[in-house]
Amino acid sequence: MSKRQKRYLNSIILENKSELLGQMVNLLLADNKVYAGIISQINTEQLVINDTHTHQLKFQLSEIIEVIKDYESPY
């Protein structure tokens, strides 16, 4: 099975909150840094992820360009 990516631009993160919570994602920030982790919380001001070392990282929604989620293609 091949892998695909689904991208959520900053403007639609809140709309897709239920789909993103608990998912492993990559965050692309405005300063071109990328962080990976599992989303544990999303509110109107910030997004919180737990990285692979179980550190909790908090990001303002205004600094996130997009959230990228990998998934396996059915074909």
N, C-alpha and C. Protein backbone atom coordinates (compact mmCIF):
# COMPACT_ATOMS: atom_id res chain seq x y z
N MET A 1 0.83 -1.18 0.00
CA MET A 1 0.00 0.00 0.00
C MET A 1 0.88 1.24 0.00
N SER A 2 0.50 2.18 -0.80
CA SER A 2 1.26 3.42 -0.86
C SER A 2 0.71 4.43 0.14
N LYS A 3 1.55 5.38 0.49
CA LYS A 3 1.15 6.41 1.46
C LYS A 3 0.78 7.69 0.73
N ARG A 4 -0.14 8.39 1.31
CA ARG A 4 -0.60 9.69 0.81
C ARG A 4 -0.57 10.68 1.96
N GLN A 5 -0.70 11.96 1.61
CA GLN A 5 -0.76 13.00 2.63
C GLN A 5 -2.04 13.80 2.47
N LYS A 6 -2.63 14.13 3.60
CA LYS A 6 -3.77 15.03 3.60
C LYS A 6 -3.32 16.29 4.31
N ARG A 7 -3.54 17.43 3.67
CA ARG A 7 -3.06 18.70 4.20
C ARG A 7 -4.24 19.56 4.65
N TYR A 8 -4.09 20.13 5.83
CA TYR A 8 -5.11 21.01 6.40
C TYR A 8 -4.49 22.39 6.57
N LEU A 9 -4.90 23.32 5.73
CA LEU A 9 -4.39 24.69 5.86
C LEU A 9 -4.89 25.30 7.16
N ASN A 10 -4.21 26.32 7.62
CA ASN A 10 -4.54 26.99 8.87
C ASN A 10 -6.02 27.34 8.97
N SER A 11 -6.60 27.77 7.88
CA SER A 11 -7.99 28.24 7.90
C SER A 11 -9.02 27.14 8.14
N ILE A 12 -8.64 25.85 8.00
CA ILE A 12 -9.62 24.77 8.18
C ILE A 12 -9.27 23.82 9.33
N ILE A 13 -8.29 24.17 10.14
CA ILE A 13 -7.90 23.30 11.26
C ILE A 13 -9.05 23.13 12.25
N LEU A 14 -9.67 24.23 12.65
CA LEU A 14 -10.77 24.14 13.62
C LEU A 14 -11.96 23.37 13.08
N GLU A 15 -12.25 23.53 11.79
CA GLU A 15 -13.37 22.82 11.16
C GLU A 15 -13.17 21.31 11.21
N ASN A 16 -11.92 20.87 11.19
CA ASN A 16 -11.59 19.44 11.14
C ASN A 16 -11.04 18.92 12.47
N LYS A 17 -11.39 19.59 13.55
CA LYS A 17 -10.90 19.24 14.88
C LYS A 17 -11.15 17.77 15.21
N SER A 18 -12.36 17.28 14.98
CA SER A 18 -12.69 15.91 15.35
C SER A 18 -11.89 14.88 14.54
N GLU A 19 -11.55 15.22 13.32
CA GLU A 19 -10.77 14.32 12.46
C GLU A 19 -9.29 14.31 12.85
N LEU A 20 -8.80 15.42 13.42
CA LEU A 20 -7.38 15.56 13.73
C LEU A 20 -6.98 15.10 15.14
N LEU A 21 -7.89 15.22 16.10
CA LEU A 21 -7.55 14.86 17.48
C LEU A 21 -7.11 13.40 17.57
N GLY A 22 -5.98 13.17 18.23
CA GLY A 22 -5.46 11.82 18.41
C GLY A 22 -4.65 11.29 17.24
N GLN A 23 -4.48 12.09 16.21
CA GLN A 23 -3.76 11.65 15.01
C GLN A 23 -2.29 12.09 15.04
N MET A 24 -1.43 11.25 14.46
CA MET A 24 -0.02 11.59 14.28
C MET A 24 0.08 12.51 13.08
N VAL A 25 0.68 13.70 13.27
CA VAL A 25 0.75 14.70 12.21
C VAL A 25 2.12 15.38 12.20
N ASN A 26 2.35 16.13 11.14
CA ASN A 26 3.47 17.06 11.05
C ASN A 26 2.88 18.45 10.99
N LEU A 27 3.47 19.39 11.73
CA LEU A 27 3.05 20.79 11.70
C LEU A 27 4.10 21.59 10.96
N LEU A 28 3.67 22.37 9.98
CA LEU A 28 4.57 23.29 9.29
C LEU A 28 4.28 24.68 9.82
N LEU A 29 5.30 25.31 10.40
CA LEU A 29 5.12 26.63 11.00
C LEU A 29 5.56 27.74 10.05
N ALA A 30 5.18 28.96 10.37
CA ALA A 30 5.49 30.11 9.54
C ALA A 30 7.00 30.33 9.40
N ASP A 31 7.79 29.91 10.38
CA ASP A 31 9.25 30.06 10.30
C ASP A 31 9.92 28.87 9.60
N ASN A 32 9.11 28.05 8.91
CA ASN A 32 9.56 26.87 8.14
C ASN A 32 10.09 25.73 8.99
N LYS A 33 9.80 25.72 10.28
CA LYS A 33 10.15 24.58 11.13
C LYS A 33 9.02 23.57 11.05
N VAL A 34 9.37 22.28 11.20
CA VAL A 34 8.39 21.20 11.16
C VAL A 34 8.49 20.44 12.48
N TYR A 35 7.33 20.19 13.08
CA TYR A 35 7.24 19.42 14.32
C TYR A 35 6.32 18.24 14.08
N ALA A 36 6.64 17.09 14.68
CA ALA A 36 5.82 15.89 14.53
C ALA A 36 5.31 15.46 15.90
N GLY A 37 4.08 14.98 15.92
CA GLY A 37 3.52 14.49 17.16
C GLY A 37 2.06 14.14 17.01
N ILE A 38 1.47 13.70 18.12
CA ILE A 38 0.06 13.34 18.17
C ILE A 38 -0.72 14.52 18.75
N ILE A 39 -1.75 14.96 18.04
CA ILE A 39 -2.54 16.10 18.51
C ILE A 39 -3.37 15.69 19.71
N SER A 40 -3.20 16.42 20.81
CA SER A 40 -3.95 16.12 22.02
C SER A 40 -5.02 17.16 22.32
N GLN A 41 -4.88 18.37 21.73
CA GLN A 41 -5.84 19.42 22.02
C GLN A 41 -5.83 20.47 20.91
N ILE A 42 -7.02 20.94 20.56
CA ILE A 42 -7.18 22.05 19.62
C ILE A 42 -8.25 22.96 20.18
N ASN A 43 -7.93 24.25 20.30
CA ASN A 43 -8.96 25.22 20.66
C ASN A 43 -8.81 26.44 19.76
N THR A 44 -9.55 27.48 20.03
CA THR A 44 -9.57 28.64 19.13
C THR A 44 -8.25 29.40 19.08
N GLU A 45 -7.36 29.16 20.05
CA GLU A 45 -6.10 29.89 20.09
C GLU A 45 -4.87 29.03 19.83
N GLN A 46 -4.92 27.78 20.22
CA GLN A 46 -3.70 26.96 20.11
C GLN A 46 -3.99 25.51 19.79
N LEU A 47 -2.91 24.84 19.37
CA LEU A 47 -2.92 23.41 19.08
C LEU A 47 -1.81 22.79 19.92
N VAL A 48 -2.10 21.66 20.56
CA VAL A 48 -1.13 21.00 21.44
C VAL A 48 -0.83 19.61 20.88
N ILE A 49 0.47 19.29 20.76
CA ILE A 49 0.87 17.94 20.35
C ILE A 49 1.79 17.34 21.40
N ASN A 50 1.80 16.02 21.44
CA ASN A 50 2.76 15.27 22.25
C ASN A 50 3.74 14.64 21.28
N ASP A 51 5.02 15.00 21.40
CA ASP A 51 6.02 14.46 20.47
C ASP A 51 6.40 13.04 20.87
N THR A 52 7.34 12.45 20.14
CA THR A 52 7.71 11.05 20.37
C THR A 52 8.39 10.83 21.73
N HIS A 53 8.85 11.88 22.35
CA HIS A 53 9.46 11.80 23.69
C HIS A 53 8.45 12.15 24.77
N THR A 54 7.20 12.20 24.42
CA THR A 54 6.07 12.56 25.28
C THR A 54 6.18 13.96 25.88
N HIS A 55 6.90 14.84 25.20
CA HIS A 55 6.91 16.25 25.58
C HIS A 55 5.66 16.90 24.99
N GLN A 56 5.04 17.77 25.76
CA GLN A 56 3.87 18.48 25.27
C GLN A 56 4.33 19.80 24.66
N LEU A 57 3.97 20.02 23.39
CA LEU A 57 4.36 21.22 22.68
C LEU A 57 3.11 22.00 22.30
N LYS A 58 3.12 23.31 22.57
CA LYS A 58 1.95 24.15 22.30
C LYS A 58 2.31 25.16 21.21
N PHE A 59 1.38 25.31 20.26
CA PHE A 59 1.58 26.23 19.14
C PHE A 59 0.35 27.11 18.98
N GLN A 60 0.57 28.39 18.75
CA GLN A 60 -0.53 29.28 18.44
C GLN A 60 -1.03 28.94 17.04
N LEU A 61 -2.34 28.95 16.84
CA LEU A 61 -2.88 28.65 15.51
C LEU A 61 -2.36 29.64 14.47
N SER A 62 -2.10 30.87 14.89
CA SER A 62 -1.63 31.90 13.96
C SER A 62 -0.24 31.61 13.40
N GLU A 63 0.56 30.78 14.08
CA GLU A 63 1.91 30.47 13.59
C GLU A 63 1.95 29.19 12.75
N ILE A 64 0.83 28.46 12.65
CA ILE A 64 0.79 27.21 11.88
C ILE A 64 0.34 27.51 10.45
N ILE A 65 1.14 27.08 9.49
CA ILE A 65 0.75 27.21 8.07
C ILE A 65 -0.16 26.06 7.68
N GLU A 66 0.25 24.83 8.03
CA GLU A 66 -0.59 23.68 7.72
C GLU A 66 -0.27 22.49 8.62
N VAL A 67 -1.25 21.61 8.72
CA VAL A 67 -1.11 20.34 9.42
C VAL A 67 -1.13 19.26 8.35
N ILE A 68 -0.15 18.36 8.40
CA ILE A 68 -0.03 17.32 7.37
C ILE A 68 -0.19 15.96 8.04
N LYS A 69 -1.15 15.17 7.52
CA LYS A 69 -1.43 13.84 8.08
C LYS A 69 -1.16 12.79 7.00
N ASP A 70 -0.37 11.78 7.33
CA ASP A 70 -0.10 10.67 6.40
C ASP A 70 -1.17 9.60 6.57
N TYR A 71 -1.51 8.95 5.48
CA TYR A 71 -2.42 7.83 5.54
C TYR A 71 -2.10 6.87 4.41
N GLU A 72 -2.53 5.62 4.55
CA GLU A 72 -2.29 4.62 3.51
C GLU A 72 -3.40 4.65 2.48
N SER A 73 -2.99 4.64 1.25
CA SER A 73 -3.96 4.64 0.14
C SER A 73 -4.56 3.24 0.01
N PRO A 74 -5.86 3.17 -0.32
CA PRO A 74 -6.48 1.85 -0.48
C PRO A 74 -6.04 1.13 -1.76
N TYR A 75 -5.27 1.76 -2.62
CA TYR A 75 -4.82 1.12 -3.86
C TYR A 75 -3.33 1.21 -4.01
